[in-house]
Amino acid sequence: MTSITLGDLVEATGGVTAGGYADLSAQVTGAVSDNRAVKTGDVFFAYIGENSDGHRYVDAALSAGASGAVVMKLPEELRSGKFYLVVEDTVKAAGNLARWYRKRFDIPVVGVTGSVGKTTMKDMLASVLSEGFNAAKTEGNYNNHIGVPRTILSWNEETEAAVVEMGMNHAGEIDYLTRIALPTDAVITNIGDAHIGNLGSRENIFRAKCEIFAGLKEGGTAVLNGDDDFLPGLARDAGFTSRFRAVTVGESRDCMLRAEEIDDSSPDGISFDAVDTRPDGAGERRLRIEVPSPGRHMIYPALAGVVIGRKYGLSDSAIVRGIRDYTPTKMRMEILRLPQGITVYNDTYNANPQSMAAGIETLSRVKDALRVAVIGDMFELGEDTERLHRMVGKKAAESGIDVVVAVGAASKFIAEAAKEARSEAALGEIRVNSAPGRRGPEVYHCPDKASAKAVLDGLVRPDTAFLVKASRGMALEELTSYIREKAEALGAGND
């Protein structure tokens, strides 16, 4: 954070100073809400959460070097030489500060939202922009009403561009975040079923995601998934295109920038031609793209990277480098190469029906290996929980993979649907991905991770590929670690 004054803090938050501290020129060099992360000169925001109250740690933060604290209630004893700023809501005060602070930066700021692939998109765009700018990005998955202000307040005088991820599970949340981030450009990855239990329908999800345009700069670029069944309509809406430049990306011939000659046969990555019409009307231009991450869905962040990179003056060679150097956030389709030819696609940070299908498709393309999908419950699906878990189970059975290990209470529907599809396949082969004569995968339902480990004991063997994926609350990275331990022990036993 670039240094601001106490006077700036008062102006931005609308707070009232208390305790007799009157030096409004005092410098504030950072903003934190964790007293363990305090550095000298920081201001500490005392958040109140469901299970914690930051006011309990105000004194500890001040002792650690904080210049002062933003609070909703004053402590019984006030420290000399420290300021206390009283506000109605400390979380909203941090948002107000971030909005005020954002306006100090005349830089490209790309806002990213969507049902699936937000973090991948964010990481890809930051990788591309880093070829020409000192680019900041949302760290990890800090994409909510606390994380977005935290991201913005981490910028400093060296920040030349930024990518801000925006998540939501209720209507109105993206509207709030985009009015803080004030993006110059916006990307919507797709409209899926994530959080449908809260929002009721995909139409409502679409409307909630479109809230990102409430803060988008007039004339800014909106990058839209042209293969989605909701988003292309925006590019045909005269009212929308009169305010923003809409660019559709995808495989459809109608996309303004499309992927052709796609080679997604490798489990390590994909390549394709990015094709569009030359701005001067002199025919098509093609750019060969190589993405170091598997899955056909990776065309979308790569194509968006081309759009954003070109907008900000990067050469095609720089854009190609930025895409090639993309590194996923940990636990986001992270490829682990383990002893004895064992591979784990560790995608345990989160899951929804669309990302589950993409992960299963990636696993199905692995050759010369036993292919095991260790997949768990997907949350916030409401009354669609059974239907959408069954959809994943059917997809798994039809994909040609060898084993399905369904983990969790709701995942019983994955197992049931996979078994049903396997039974139906008794009359014929499942699909081209399957070896001749295959009738479907082995299917296990494990109510918890302990029982899943017992199943994995018999599956961790040489030349096996695992997909491990579930919603965040399942914490299936524990099973990733278990597979790693078993693989390393197997390797040690063969030395």
Protein backbone atom coordinates (compact mmCIF):
# COMPACT_ATOMS: atom_id res chain seq x y z
CA MET A 1 0.00 0.00 0.00
CA THR A 2 1.21 3.49 -0.85
CA SER A 3 1.37 5.62 2.28
CA ILE A 4 -1.73 7.66 3.10
CA THR A 5 -2.51 9.93 6.03
CA LEU A 6 -4.88 9.58 8.93
CA GLY A 7 -6.81 12.45 7.35
CA ASP A 8 -7.19 10.39 4.16
CA LEU A 9 -8.44 7.47 6.23
CA VAL A 10 -11.04 9.66 7.94
CA GLU A 11 -12.19 11.05 4.59
CA ALA A 12 -12.42 7.63 2.94
CA THR A 13 -14.22 5.80 5.74
CA GLY A 14 -16.34 8.57 7.20
CA GLY A 15 -15.13 7.53 10.65
CA VAL A 16 -14.74 9.66 13.75
CA THR A 17 -11.46 9.81 15.66
CA ALA A 18 -11.46 9.13 19.38
CA GLY A 19 -8.94 9.13 22.19
CA GLY A 20 -7.53 12.60 21.71
CA TYR A 21 -5.15 11.71 18.87
CA ALA A 22 -5.27 14.73 16.54
CA ASP A 23 -2.38 14.43 14.07
CA LEU A 24 -4.25 13.95 10.78
CA SER A 25 -0.95 14.05 8.90
CA ALA A 26 0.20 10.81 10.57
CA GLN A 27 1.21 8.23 7.97
CA VAL A 28 -0.57 4.91 7.43
CA THR A 29 1.41 2.42 5.34
CA GLY A 30 -0.85 -0.62 5.25
CA ALA A 31 -4.25 -2.04 6.16
CA VAL A 32 -4.75 -5.43 7.83
CA SER A 33 -7.44 -7.38 9.67
CA ASP A 34 -5.14 -10.06 11.13
CA ASN A 35 -3.13 -8.90 14.13
CA ARG A 36 -0.53 -11.59 13.35
CA ALA A 37 0.22 -9.89 10.02
CA VAL A 38 0.68 -6.38 11.39
CA LYS A 39 3.69 -4.35 10.28
CA THR A 40 4.80 -1.05 11.73
CA GLY A 41 2.61 1.77 10.39
CA ASP A 42 -0.41 -0.39 9.53
CA VAL A 43 -3.98 0.37 10.46
CA PHE A 44 -5.86 -2.57 11.99
CA PHE A 45 -9.50 -3.15 11.00
CA ALA A 46 -11.44 -4.96 13.72
CA TYR A 47 -13.84 -7.15 11.76
CA ILE A 48 -16.69 -8.95 13.44
CA GLY A 49 -17.41 -12.37 11.90
CA GLU A 50 -19.66 -15.29 12.69
CA ASN A 51 -17.11 -16.88 14.99
CA SER A 52 -14.69 -14.09 15.85
CA ASP A 53 -14.51 -10.49 16.95
CA GLY A 54 -11.46 -8.51 15.86
CA HIS A 55 -11.97 -6.06 18.73
CA ARG A 56 -10.41 -8.70 20.98
CA TYR A 57 -7.13 -8.26 19.11
CA VAL A 58 -6.91 -4.46 18.86
CA ASP A 59 -4.43 -4.20 21.71
CA ALA A 60 -2.27 -6.98 20.26
CA ALA A 61 -2.25 -5.24 16.88
CA LEU A 62 -1.20 -1.95 18.41
CA SER A 63 1.53 -3.69 20.38
CA ALA A 64 2.78 -5.24 17.13
CA GLY A 65 3.29 -1.78 15.61
CA ALA A 66 -0.07 -0.70 14.17
CA SER A 67 -0.48 3.07 14.15
CA GLY A 68 -4.12 2.77 15.03
CA ALA A 69 -7.33 0.80 14.66
CA VAL A 70 -10.67 1.13 12.88
CA VAL A 71 -13.31 -0.09 15.31
CA MET A 72 -17.03 -0.26 15.92
CA LYS A 73 -16.61 -0.02 19.68
CA LEU A 74 -13.82 1.49 21.72
CA PRO A 75 -11.74 -0.57 24.16
CA GLU A 76 -11.96 0.33 27.84
CA GLU A 77 -8.44 1.77 27.83
CA LEU A 78 -7.06 3.85 24.97
CA ARG A 79 -3.37 3.89 24.21
CA SER A 80 -1.44 7.12 24.05
CA GLY A 81 0.07 7.86 20.63
CA LYS A 82 -2.33 5.54 18.82
CA PHE A 83 -5.45 6.56 16.90
CA TYR A 84 -8.89 4.98 17.07
CA LEU A 85 -11.34 5.53 14.25
CA VAL A 86 -14.93 4.64 15.07
CA VAL A 87 -17.20 3.51 12.20
CA GLU A 88 -20.61 1.84 11.94
CA ASP A 89 -19.26 -1.23 10.13
CA THR A 90 -15.56 -2.06 9.89
CA VAL A 91 -15.95 -4.33 6.84
CA LYS A 92 -17.81 -1.64 4.92
CA ALA A 93 -15.26 0.92 6.09
CA ALA A 94 -12.50 -1.19 4.51
CA GLY A 95 -14.53 -1.35 1.31
CA ASN A 96 -14.96 2.43 1.34
CA LEU A 97 -11.22 2.88 1.85
CA ALA A 98 -10.47 0.49 -1.03
CA ARG A 99 -12.86 2.38 -3.32
CA TRP A 100 -11.19 5.68 -2.41
CA TYR A 101 -7.72 4.17 -2.82
CA ARG A 102 -8.56 2.56 -6.20
CA LYS A 103 -9.23 6.00 -7.66
CA ARG A 104 -5.59 6.95 -7.12
CA PHE A 105 -4.53 4.45 -9.82
CA ASP A 106 -4.91 5.27 -13.50
CA ILE A 107 -4.04 1.75 -14.64
CA PRO A 108 -5.68 -1.18 -16.45
CA VAL A 109 -7.86 -3.09 -13.99
CA VAL A 110 -9.52 -6.25 -15.29
CA GLY A 111 -12.46 -7.55 -13.28
CA VAL A 112 -13.20 -11.28 -13.55
CA THR A 113 -16.34 -13.16 -12.59
CA GLY A 114 -18.29 -16.21 -13.74
CA SER A 115 -19.56 -19.55 -12.48
CA VAL A 116 -16.51 -21.61 -13.38
CA GLY A 117 -12.86 -20.77 -14.01
CA LYS A 118 -12.55 -17.36 -12.35
CA THR A 119 -9.25 -18.12 -10.66
CA THR A 120 -7.81 -19.74 -13.79
CA MET A 121 -8.87 -16.70 -15.82
CA LYS A 122 -7.38 -14.33 -13.25
CA ASP A 123 -4.06 -16.17 -13.22
CA MET A 124 -3.90 -16.31 -17.02
CA LEU A 125 -4.66 -12.62 -17.52
CA ALA A 126 -2.11 -11.63 -14.90
CA SER A 127 0.49 -13.84 -16.58
CA VAL A 128 -0.14 -12.14 -19.93
CA LEU A 129 -0.19 -8.60 -18.52
CA SER A 130 3.04 -9.31 -16.65
CA GLU A 131 4.79 -9.41 -20.03
CA GLY A 132 4.39 -5.65 -20.27
CA PHE A 133 3.42 -4.40 -16.83
CA ASN A 134 4.12 -4.89 -13.15
CA ALA A 135 0.77 -6.65 -12.72
CA ALA A 136 -0.95 -7.34 -9.42
CA LYS A 137 -3.70 -9.92 -9.00
CA THR A 138 -6.07 -11.35 -6.45
CA GLU A 139 -4.09 -13.76 -4.32
CA GLY A 140 -5.56 -17.21 -3.80
CA ASN A 141 -9.32 -16.97 -3.71
CA TYR A 142 -9.75 -13.62 -1.93
CA ASN A 143 -12.65 -12.61 -4.15
CA ASN A 144 -15.38 -11.50 -1.74
CA HIS A 145 -16.33 -8.37 0.22
CA ILE A 146 -13.24 -8.79 2.38
CA GLY A 147 -10.84 -10.14 -0.23
CA VAL A 148 -11.41 -7.54 -2.96
CA PRO A 149 -10.60 -4.56 -0.68
CA ARG A 150 -7.60 -6.48 0.62
CA THR A 151 -6.38 -6.97 -2.96
CA ILE A 152 -6.75 -3.31 -3.90
CA LEU A 153 -5.15 -2.04 -0.70
CA SER A 154 -2.08 -4.15 -1.47
CA TRP A 155 -1.29 -2.08 -4.58
CA ASN A 156 1.59 0.39 -4.40
CA GLU A 157 3.43 2.90 -6.56
CA GLU A 158 4.98 0.07 -8.58
CA THR A 159 1.60 -1.42 -9.59
CA GLU A 160 0.98 -0.83 -13.31
CA ALA A 161 -1.96 -3.17 -13.95
CA ALA A 162 -4.21 -5.44 -11.92
CA VAL A 163 -6.61 -8.36 -12.25
CA VAL A 164 -9.34 -8.57 -9.63
CA GLU A 165 -11.43 -11.71 -9.17
CA MET A 166 -15.01 -11.22 -7.96
CA GLY A 167 -17.08 -14.04 -6.51
CA MET A 168 -20.58 -14.19 -5.16
CA ASN A 169 -23.25 -16.50 -3.84
CA HIS A 170 -26.11 -14.00 -3.62
CA ALA A 171 -27.49 -11.23 -5.81
CA GLY A 172 -26.00 -7.80 -5.14
CA GLU A 173 -22.53 -8.97 -4.15
CA ILE A 174 -20.85 -8.41 -7.52
CA ASP A 175 -22.52 -4.99 -7.75
CA TYR A 176 -20.87 -4.04 -4.45
CA LEU A 177 -17.45 -5.38 -5.47
CA THR A 178 -17.35 -3.84 -8.94
CA ARG A 179 -18.15 -0.39 -7.54
CA ILE A 180 -15.06 -0.77 -5.36
CA ALA A 181 -12.74 -2.16 -8.06
CA LEU A 182 -14.04 0.10 -10.88
CA PRO A 183 -12.64 -2.14 -13.64
CA THR A 184 -11.49 -0.78 -16.98
CA ASP A 185 -12.31 -4.19 -18.48
CA ALA A 186 -14.50 -7.09 -17.41
CA VAL A 187 -14.53 -10.81 -18.17
CA ILE A 188 -17.37 -13.25 -17.52
CA THR A 189 -16.15 -16.82 -17.87
CA ASN A 190 -19.57 -18.53 -18.17
CA ILE A 191 -22.96 -18.98 -16.55
CA GLY A 192 -23.23 -22.33 -14.76
CA ASP A 193 -25.02 -23.94 -11.82
CA ALA A 194 -22.72 -22.81 -8.99
CA HIS A 195 -24.80 -21.28 -6.15
CA ILE A 196 -28.05 -22.15 -7.91
CA GLY A 197 -29.36 -23.20 -4.50
CA ASN A 198 -29.11 -19.57 -3.39
CA LEU A 199 -30.12 -17.84 -6.61
CA GLY A 200 -32.83 -20.20 -7.84
CA SER A 201 -32.09 -20.36 -11.57
CA ARG A 202 -29.36 -19.88 -14.16
CA GLU A 203 -31.23 -16.78 -15.35
CA ASN A 204 -30.76 -15.27 -11.89
CA ILE A 205 -27.11 -16.31 -11.90
CA PHE A 206 -26.71 -14.56 -15.26
CA ARG A 207 -28.21 -11.38 -13.89
CA ALA A 208 -26.01 -11.55 -10.79
CA LYS A 209 -22.84 -12.00 -12.85
CA CYS A 210 -23.80 -9.09 -15.10
CA GLU A 211 -23.66 -6.83 -12.07
CA ILE A 212 -19.94 -6.53 -12.88
CA PHE A 213 -20.89 -4.02 -15.58
CA ALA A 214 -22.27 -1.62 -12.96
CA GLY A 215 -18.71 -0.58 -12.17
CA LEU A 216 -17.16 -1.06 -15.62
CA LYS A 217 -15.67 2.08 -17.12
CA GLU A 218 -17.72 3.50 -20.00
CA GLY A 219 -16.14 2.28 -23.23
CA GLY A 220 -14.38 -0.56 -21.42
CA THR A 221 -13.96 -3.99 -22.94
CA ALA A 222 -16.29 -6.82 -21.93
CA VAL A 223 -14.83 -10.23 -22.79
CA LEU A 224 -17.62 -12.82 -22.97
CA ASN A 225 -17.73 -16.59 -23.43
CA GLY A 226 -19.21 -16.88 -26.90
CA ASP A 227 -20.10 -20.56 -26.42
CA ASP A 228 -22.26 -19.86 -23.39
CA ASP A 229 -26.02 -19.90 -23.87
CA PHE A 230 -26.54 -16.57 -22.06
CA LEU A 231 -23.55 -14.31 -22.66
CA PRO A 232 -23.44 -13.90 -26.48
CA GLY A 233 -26.74 -12.04 -26.31
CA LEU A 234 -24.99 -9.14 -24.63
CA ALA A 235 -22.80 -8.66 -27.71
CA ARG A 236 -25.97 -8.33 -29.80
CA ASP A 237 -27.64 -5.89 -27.43
CA ALA A 238 -27.45 -2.39 -28.89
CA GLY A 239 -27.86 -0.80 -25.48
CA PHE A 240 -24.94 -2.81 -24.10
CA THR A 241 -22.63 -2.29 -27.07
CA SER A 242 -23.31 1.46 -27.04
CA ARG A 243 -21.67 1.58 -23.59
CA PHE A 244 -18.99 -1.11 -23.82
CA ARG A 245 -16.86 -2.91 -26.40
CA ALA A 246 -18.06 -6.52 -26.34
CA VAL A 247 -15.73 -9.30 -27.54
CA THR A 248 -16.91 -12.91 -27.67
CA VAL A 249 -14.37 -15.72 -27.44
CA GLY A 250 -14.74 -19.48 -27.88
CA GLU A 251 -15.09 -22.22 -30.49
CA SER A 252 -18.23 -21.02 -32.26
CA ARG A 253 -17.81 -19.55 -35.73
CA ASP A 254 -19.78 -16.56 -34.46
CA CYS A 255 -17.09 -15.69 -31.88
CA MET A 256 -15.07 -12.57 -32.61
CA LEU A 257 -11.92 -14.39 -31.49
CA ARG A 258 -12.20 -18.12 -31.87
CA ALA A 259 -10.14 -21.26 -31.29
CA GLU A 260 -9.45 -23.50 -34.27
CA GLU A 261 -7.18 -26.50 -34.90
CA ILE A 262 -7.50 -27.48 -31.24
CA ASP A 263 -5.22 -30.24 -29.99
CA ASP A 264 -6.33 -31.29 -26.52
CA SER A 265 -5.05 -34.86 -26.72
CA SER A 266 -2.28 -34.30 -24.19
CA PRO A 267 -2.93 -34.57 -20.44
CA ASP A 268 -0.29 -31.87 -19.92
CA GLY A 269 -1.72 -29.04 -22.00
CA ILE A 270 -3.49 -27.92 -25.15
CA SER A 271 -2.66 -25.96 -28.28
CA PHE A 272 -4.82 -24.14 -30.81
CA ASP A 273 -4.98 -21.28 -33.29
CA ALA A 274 -6.51 -18.02 -32.08
CA VAL A 275 -8.28 -16.68 -35.17
CA ASP A 276 -9.95 -13.36 -35.85
CA THR A 277 -10.49 -10.90 -38.68
CA ARG A 278 -7.69 -8.40 -39.10
CA PRO A 279 -8.65 -4.88 -37.98
CA ASP A 280 -7.67 -3.55 -41.43
CA GLY A 281 -10.02 -6.02 -43.14
CA ALA A 282 -7.15 -7.87 -44.81
CA GLY A 283 -8.41 -11.34 -44.04
CA GLU A 284 -7.88 -13.55 -41.01
CA ARG A 285 -4.96 -13.54 -38.62
CA ARG A 286 -3.88 -16.63 -36.75
CA LEU A 287 -1.83 -16.96 -33.62
CA ARG A 288 -0.69 -20.39 -32.43
CA ILE A 289 -1.23 -20.74 -28.70
CA GLU A 290 0.22 -23.34 -26.34
CA VAL A 291 -1.29 -23.62 -22.86
CA PRO A 292 0.69 -25.56 -20.22
CA SER A 293 -2.46 -26.85 -18.53
CA PRO A 294 -4.83 -29.59 -19.69
CA GLY A 295 -8.45 -29.38 -20.70
CA ARG A 296 -10.39 -27.92 -23.62
CA HIS A 297 -11.83 -25.30 -21.28
CA MET A 298 -8.38 -23.64 -21.20
CA ILE A 299 -9.09 -22.04 -24.57
CA TYR A 300 -11.25 -19.40 -22.84
CA PRO A 301 -8.69 -17.84 -20.48
CA ALA A 302 -6.06 -18.02 -23.23
CA LEU A 303 -8.32 -16.27 -25.76
CA ALA A 304 -9.23 -13.63 -23.16
CA GLY A 305 -5.51 -13.14 -22.60
CA VAL A 306 -5.09 -12.40 -26.30
CA VAL A 307 -7.92 -9.82 -26.21
CA ILE A 308 -6.63 -8.03 -23.10
CA GLY A 309 -2.99 -8.25 -24.11
CA ARG A 310 -3.65 -6.71 -27.52
CA LYS A 311 -5.78 -3.97 -26.02
CA TYR A 312 -2.89 -2.83 -23.88
CA GLY A 313 -0.32 -2.91 -26.63
CA LEU A 314 1.44 -6.22 -26.05
CA SER A 315 2.94 -7.91 -29.09
CA ASP A 316 1.61 -11.30 -30.13
CA SER A 317 4.95 -12.86 -29.17
CA ALA A 318 4.66 -11.37 -25.67
CA ILE A 319 1.10 -12.68 -25.36
CA VAL A 320 2.19 -16.16 -26.44
CA ARG A 321 4.95 -16.07 -23.78
CA GLY A 322 2.54 -14.92 -21.11
CA ILE A 323 0.15 -17.79 -21.86
CA ARG A 324 3.00 -20.28 -22.04
CA ASP A 325 4.29 -19.12 -18.63
CA TYR A 326 0.87 -19.39 -16.94
CA THR A 327 1.01 -21.10 -13.55
CA PRO A 328 -2.23 -22.19 -11.84
CA THR A 329 -3.07 -21.30 -8.27
CA LYS A 330 -2.35 -24.18 -5.91
CA MET A 331 -5.09 -26.85 -5.86
CA ARG A 332 -6.49 -25.55 -9.18
CA MET A 333 -5.87 -28.41 -11.64
CA GLU A 334 -2.39 -28.69 -10.18
CA ILE A 335 -0.50 -31.55 -11.84
CA LEU A 336 1.55 -33.66 -9.41
CA ARG A 337 4.04 -36.11 -10.91
CA LEU A 338 4.72 -38.80 -8.32
CA PRO A 339 6.92 -41.91 -8.25
CA GLN A 340 6.07 -45.03 -10.25
CA GLY A 341 4.34 -43.11 -13.02
CA ILE A 342 1.53 -41.93 -10.72
CA THR A 343 -0.09 -38.59 -11.61
CA VAL A 344 -2.56 -36.56 -9.58
CA TYR A 345 -4.69 -33.76 -11.01
CA ASN A 346 -5.20 -31.91 -7.74
CA ASP A 347 -8.27 -29.72 -8.29
CA THR A 348 -9.50 -29.67 -4.73
CA TYR A 349 -10.06 -25.97 -4.14
CA ASN A 350 -13.67 -25.99 -5.31
CA ALA A 351 -16.16 -27.70 -7.59
CA ASN A 352 -19.46 -27.29 -9.40
CA PRO A 353 -21.11 -29.40 -12.11
CA GLN A 354 -19.37 -27.70 -15.02
CA SER A 355 -15.87 -27.82 -13.53
CA MET A 356 -16.45 -31.45 -12.50
CA ALA A 357 -17.31 -32.33 -16.10
CA ALA A 358 -14.20 -30.53 -17.35
CA GLY A 359 -11.98 -32.36 -14.86
CA ILE A 360 -13.43 -35.74 -15.79
CA GLU A 361 -12.92 -34.97 -19.48
CA THR A 362 -9.26 -34.12 -18.81
CA LEU A 363 -8.74 -37.36 -16.89
CA SER A 364 -10.37 -39.37 -19.67
CA ARG A 365 -7.70 -38.22 -22.12
CA VAL A 366 -4.85 -39.72 -20.12
CA LYS A 367 -3.41 -42.69 -22.01
CA ASP A 368 -1.65 -45.85 -20.85
CA ALA A 369 -2.76 -45.48 -17.23
CA LEU A 370 -5.49 -46.56 -14.84
CA ARG A 371 -7.76 -43.49 -14.59
CA VAL A 372 -9.37 -42.89 -11.20
CA ALA A 373 -11.78 -40.04 -10.42
CA VAL A 374 -11.90 -39.27 -6.69
CA ILE A 375 -14.79 -36.81 -6.62
CA GLY A 376 -16.77 -35.44 -3.71
CA ASP A 377 -19.80 -33.39 -2.79
CA MET A 378 -20.66 -30.11 -4.52
CA PHE A 379 -22.25 -27.54 -2.22
CA GLU A 380 -24.85 -24.77 -2.58
CA LEU A 381 -26.94 -26.57 -5.20
CA GLY A 382 -30.17 -26.49 -3.20
CA GLU A 383 -33.06 -28.50 -4.59
CA ASP A 384 -30.90 -29.39 -7.62
CA THR A 385 -28.37 -31.28 -5.49
CA GLU A 386 -29.48 -34.77 -6.49
CA ARG A 387 -30.02 -33.94 -10.16
CA LEU A 388 -26.64 -32.28 -10.63
CA HIS A 389 -24.69 -34.94 -8.73
CA ARG A 390 -26.38 -37.57 -10.88
CA MET A 391 -25.38 -35.60 -13.97
CA VAL A 392 -21.74 -35.80 -12.86
CA GLY A 393 -22.05 -39.53 -12.20
CA LYS A 394 -23.43 -40.14 -15.66
CA LYS A 395 -20.66 -38.04 -17.19
CA ALA A 396 -18.05 -40.05 -15.29
CA ALA A 397 -19.50 -43.36 -16.46
CA GLU A 398 -19.67 -42.25 -20.09
CA SER A 399 -16.20 -40.69 -20.16
CA GLY A 400 -14.30 -43.93 -20.41
CA ILE A 401 -12.40 -43.61 -17.11
CA ASP A 402 -11.73 -46.77 -15.14
CA VAL A 403 -12.73 -46.07 -11.53
CA VAL A 404 -15.05 -43.64 -9.74
CA VAL A 405 -14.56 -43.06 -6.02
CA ALA A 406 -17.45 -40.85 -4.86
CA VAL A 407 -16.82 -39.28 -1.45
CA GLY A 408 -19.45 -37.69 0.80
CA ALA A 409 -23.15 -37.76 1.55
CA ALA A 410 -24.44 -36.12 -1.65
CA SER A 411 -21.94 -38.07 -3.73
CA LYS A 412 -24.01 -41.19 -3.26
CA PHE A 413 -26.00 -39.79 -6.21
CA ILE A 414 -22.80 -39.68 -8.28
CA ALA A 415 -22.18 -43.34 -7.48
CA GLU A 416 -25.77 -44.37 -8.15
CA ALA A 417 -25.90 -42.61 -11.52
CA ALA A 418 -22.51 -44.02 -12.55
CA LYS A 419 -23.69 -47.53 -11.71
CA GLU A 420 -26.96 -47.00 -13.56
CA ALA A 421 -25.12 -45.78 -16.66
CA ARG A 422 -22.77 -48.75 -16.37
CA SER A 423 -25.73 -51.12 -16.24
CA GLU A 424 -27.31 -49.52 -19.28
CA ALA A 425 -24.00 -49.93 -21.09
CA ALA A 426 -24.23 -53.69 -20.66
CA LEU A 427 -26.04 -53.66 -24.01
CA GLY A 428 -23.13 -51.94 -25.75
CA GLU A 429 -19.87 -50.10 -25.41
CA ILE A 430 -19.96 -46.77 -23.61
CA ARG A 431 -18.20 -44.46 -26.06
CA VAL A 432 -15.09 -44.03 -28.16
CA ASN A 433 -12.91 -43.10 -25.19
CA SER A 434 -13.40 -46.58 -23.78
CA ALA A 435 -11.41 -49.61 -24.77
CA PRO A 436 -13.35 -52.09 -26.97
CA GLY A 437 -15.79 -54.12 -24.94
CA ARG A 438 -15.70 -51.93 -21.82
CA ARG A 439 -18.93 -51.69 -19.85
CA GLY A 440 -18.11 -48.77 -17.58
CA PRO A 441 -16.04 -47.93 -14.53
CA GLU A 442 -15.72 -49.61 -11.18
CA VAL A 443 -17.74 -47.47 -8.77
CA TYR A 444 -17.28 -46.97 -5.02
CA HIS A 445 -19.27 -44.78 -2.68
CA CYS A 446 -17.39 -43.67 0.43
CA PRO A 447 -19.38 -41.68 2.99
CA ASP A 448 -16.24 -40.02 4.35
CA LYS A 449 -12.52 -39.57 3.69
CA ALA A 450 -11.53 -42.36 6.06
CA SER A 451 -13.44 -44.93 4.04
CA ALA A 452 -12.09 -43.40 0.82
CA LYS A 453 -8.53 -43.99 2.04
CA ALA A 454 -9.34 -47.68 2.48
CA VAL A 455 -10.43 -47.82 -1.17
CA LEU A 456 -7.39 -45.86 -2.33
CA ASP A 457 -5.11 -48.39 -0.62
CA GLY A 458 -5.95 -50.76 -3.45
CA LEU A 459 -5.81 -48.18 -6.23
CA VAL A 460 -2.47 -46.42 -5.71
CA ARG A 461 -0.36 -48.50 -8.04
CA PRO A 462 2.14 -47.83 -10.83
CA ASP A 463 0.89 -45.97 -13.91
CA THR A 464 -2.27 -44.57 -12.37
CA ALA A 465 -3.76 -41.12 -12.92
CA PHE A 466 -6.05 -39.58 -10.30
CA LEU A 467 -8.42 -36.63 -10.48
CA VAL A 468 -9.19 -35.37 -6.96
CA LYS A 469 -11.97 -32.76 -6.86
CA ALA A 470 -14.82 -31.52 -4.64
CA SER A 471 -16.21 -28.36 -3.10
CA ARG A 472 -13.95 -26.50 -0.68
CA GLY A 473 -15.78 -27.69 2.41
CA MET A 474 -14.89 -31.30 1.62
CA ALA A 475 -11.15 -30.56 1.96
CA LEU A 476 -10.27 -33.44 -0.36
CA GLU A 477 -6.65 -32.25 -0.50
CA GLU A 478 -6.31 -34.63 2.44
CA LEU A 479 -6.82 -37.44 -0.06
CA THR A 480 -4.31 -35.87 -2.45
CA SER A 481 -1.77 -35.97 0.37
CA TYR A 482 -2.70 -39.58 1.11
CA ILE A 483 -2.15 -40.59 -2.51
CA ARG A 484 1.21 -38.79 -2.49
CA GLU A 485 2.29 -40.62 0.68
CA LYS A 486 1.28 -43.98 -0.75
CA ALA A 487 3.04 -43.24 -4.06
CA GLU A 488 6.24 -42.18 -2.32
CA ALA A 489 6.19 -45.29 -0.17
CA LEU A 490 5.65 -47.38 -3.27
CA GLY A 491 8.58 -45.66 -4.95
CA ALA A 492 10.83 -46.11 -1.93
CA GLY A 493 9.97 -49.81 -1.81
CA ASN A 494 11.18 -50.23 -5.39
CA ASP A 495 14.49 -48.40 -5.02
